C-alpha atoms as a PDB file:
ATOM      1  CA  MET A   1       0.000   0.000   0.000  1.00  0.00           C
ATOM      2  CA  PHE A   2       2.873   2.361   0.835  1.00  0.00           C
ATOM      3  CA  ASN A   3       4.625   1.677  -2.455  1.00  0.00           C
ATOM      4  CA  GLU A   4       1.403   1.747  -4.496  1.00  0.00           C
ATOM      5  CA  GLY A   5       0.497   5.128  -2.980  1.00  0.00           C
ATOM      6  CA  LYS A   6       3.981   6.476  -3.817  1.00  0.00           C
ATOM      7  CA  TYR A   7       4.235   8.123  -0.383  1.00  0.00           C
ATOM      8  CA  TRP A   8       8.030   8.243  -0.372  1.00  0.00           C
ATOM      9  CA  GLU A   9       8.139   9.688  -3.870  1.00  0.00           C
ATOM     10  CA  LYS A  10       5.565  12.322  -2.869  1.00  0.00           C
ATOM     11  CA  ALA A  11       7.663  13.218   0.174  1.00  0.00           C
ATOM     12  CA  LEU A  12      10.806  13.523  -1.964  1.00  0.00           C
ATOM     13  CA  SER A  13       9.003  15.765  -4.488  1.00  0.00           C
ATOM     14  CA  GLY A  14       7.601  18.031  -1.759  1.00  0.00           C
ATOM     15  CA  GLU A  15       3.985  16.997  -2.327  1.00  0.00           C
ATOM     16  CA  LEU A  16       3.991  15.700   1.281  1.00  0.00           C
ATOM     17  CA  THR A  17       5.701  17.457   4.192  1.00  0.00           C
ATOM     18  CA  VAL A  18       8.320  15.467   6.100  1.00  0.00           C
ATOM     19  CA  ALA A  19       8.312  15.868   9.893  1.00  0.00           C
ATOM     20  CA  ILE A  20      10.920  14.097  11.999  1.00  0.00           C
ATOM     21  CA  LYS A  21       9.170  12.708  15.086  1.00  0.00           C
ATOM     22  CA  ARG A  22      12.272  11.076  16.571  1.00  0.00           C
ATOM     23  CA  SER A  23      15.919  10.923  15.603  1.00  0.00           C
ATOM     24  CA  THR A  24      18.425   9.170  17.816  1.00  0.00           C
ATOM     25  CA  HIS A  25      22.115   8.716  17.340  1.00  0.00           C
ATOM     26  CA  PRO A  26      23.087   5.243  18.476  1.00  0.00           C
ATOM     27  CA  THR A  27      26.718   4.224  18.358  1.00  0.00           C
ATOM     28  CA  ARG A  28      25.714   0.836  16.991  1.00  0.00           C
ATOM     29  CA  THR A  29      22.441  -0.348  15.483  1.00  0.00           C
ATOM     30  CA  LYS A  30      20.989  -3.833  15.221  1.00  0.00           C
ATOM     31  CA  ALA A  31      20.971  -3.300  11.468  1.00  0.00           C
ATOM     32  CA  GLU A  32      24.775  -3.014  11.508  1.00  0.00           C
ATOM     33  CA  GLU A  33      24.728   0.408   9.891  1.00  0.00           C
ATOM     34  CA  PRO A  34      27.853   2.645   9.802  1.00  0.00           C
ATOM     35  CA  PHE A  35      28.957   4.656  12.822  1.00  0.00           C
ATOM     36  CA  CYS A  36      26.987   7.925  13.226  1.00  0.00           C
ATOM     37  CA  THR A  37      23.850   6.518  11.575  1.00  0.00           C
ATOM     38  CA  HIS A  38      20.627   7.990  12.970  1.00  0.00           C
ATOM     39  CA  THR A  39      17.537   5.894  13.536  1.00  0.00           C
ATOM     40  CA  GLN A  40      14.519   8.014  12.668  1.00  0.00           C
ATOM     41  CA  GLU A  41      10.750   7.954  12.931  1.00  0.00           C
ATOM     42  CA  ILE A  42       9.245  10.279  10.331  1.00  0.00           C
ATOM     43  CA  SER A  43       5.707  11.454   9.594  1.00  0.00           C
ATOM     44  CA  TYR A  44       4.533  12.380   6.114  1.00  0.00           C
ATOM     45  CA  LEU A  45       1.891  15.115   6.287  1.00  0.00           C
ATOM     46  CA  ASP A  46      -0.618  16.216   3.672  1.00  0.00           C
ATOM     47  CA  GLU A  47      -1.413  19.850   2.772  1.00  0.00           C
ATOM     48  CA  HIS A  48      -3.652  20.117   5.869  1.00  0.00           C
ATOM     49  CA  GLY A  49      -0.956  18.870   8.242  1.00  0.00           C
ATOM     50  CA  VAL A  50      -2.630  15.488   8.674  1.00  0.00           C
ATOM     51  CA  GLU A  51      -0.291  12.510   9.030  1.00  0.00           C
ATOM     52  CA  VAL A  52      -0.898  10.179   6.082  1.00  0.00           C
ATOM     53  CA  ALA A  53       2.091   7.889   6.674  1.00  0.00           C
ATOM     54  CA  ARG A  54       4.718   7.141   9.311  1.00  0.00           C
ATOM     55  CA  VAL A  55       7.997   5.412   8.534  1.00  0.00           C
ATOM     56  CA  HIS A  56      11.185   4.284  10.200  1.00  0.00           C
ATOM     57  CA  GLN A  57      14.539   4.719   8.500  1.00  0.00           C
ATOM     58  CA  TYR A  58      18.259   4.643   9.147  1.00  0.00           C
ATOM     59  CA  LEU A  59      19.861   7.876   7.947  1.00  0.00           C
ATOM     60  CA  ARG A  60      23.541   7.247   7.252  1.00  0.00           C
ATOM     61  CA  PRO A  61      26.243   9.907   7.654  1.00  0.00           C
ATOM     62  CA  ASP A  62      26.353  10.330   3.842  1.00  0.00           C
ATOM     63  CA  GLN A  63      22.572  11.107   3.941  1.00  0.00           C
ATOM     64  CA  SER A  64      21.627   7.849   2.198  1.00  0.00           C
ATOM     65  CA  ILE A  65      18.917   5.580   3.624  1.00  0.00           C
ATOM     66  CA  GLY A  66      20.239   2.413   5.222  1.00  0.00           C
ATOM     67  CA  ALA A  67      18.920  -1.139   5.400  1.00  0.00           C
ATOM     68  CA  LYS A  68      17.216  -1.751   2.019  1.00  0.00           C
ATOM     69  CA  GLY A  69      17.616   1.847   0.846  1.00  0.00           C
ATOM     70  CA  ARG A  70      13.991   2.844   1.438  1.00  0.00           C
ATOM     71  CA  PRO A  71      11.955   3.920   4.460  1.00  0.00           C
ATOM     72  CA  ASP A  72      10.099   1.155   6.305  1.00  0.00           C
ATOM     73  CA  PRO A  73       6.372   2.055   6.586  1.00  0.00           C
ATOM     74  CA  LYS A  74       4.749   1.617   9.994  1.00  0.00           C
ATOM     75  CA  ARG A  75       1.419   3.451   9.582  1.00  0.00           C
ATOM     76  CA  LEU A  76      -0.829   4.590   6.751  1.00  0.00           C
ATOM     77  CA  PHE A  77      -3.982   6.696   7.000  1.00  0.00           C
ATOM     78  CA  ILE A  78      -6.095   6.071   3.902  1.00  0.00           C
ATOM     79  CA  ASN A  79      -9.706   7.216   3.407  1.00  0.00           C
ATOM     80  CA  GLY A  80     -10.272   7.551   7.143  1.00  0.00           C
ATOM     81  CA  VAL A  81      -8.789   4.147   8.010  1.00  0.00           C
ATOM     82  CA  LEU A  82      -5.573   3.780  10.024  1.00  0.00           C
ATOM     83  CA  TYR A  83      -3.418   0.828   8.985  1.00  0.00           C
ATOM     84  CA  ARG A  84      -0.516   0.035  11.294  1.00  0.00           C
ATOM     85  CA  LEU A  85       1.820  -2.777  12.146  1.00  0.00           C
ATOM     86  CA  GLN A  86       1.175  -4.571  15.395  1.00  0.00           C
ATOM     87  CA  LYS A  87       4.166  -5.462  17.538  1.00  0.00           C
ATOM     88  CA  LYS A  88       4.473  -9.149  18.299  1.00  0.00           C
ATOM     89  CA  SER A  89       3.583 -10.010  21.874  1.00  0.00           C
ATOM     90  CA  GLN A  90       6.406 -11.432  23.914  1.00  0.00           C
ATOM     91  CA  ALA A  91       4.834 -14.519  25.445  1.00  0.00           C
END
């Protein structure tokens, strides 16, 4: 749904506003990214300031996106419906 809706492309083109919700600077990530990589939670907002998508990404020191090279979607708000990933319960 994230890819079909071209949310990342719309954010890159300026059609959606990018708002960093959280950006931390771990010395080492589980994803084995380079030193000084930031782990970020980012909201994509429409023209009314409504969050239409939320993603996680690793921002490398060279400003490239880590892991698979694209943001990892966590939430989408489409036609009044919120779609989000559920965390696995630790039983």
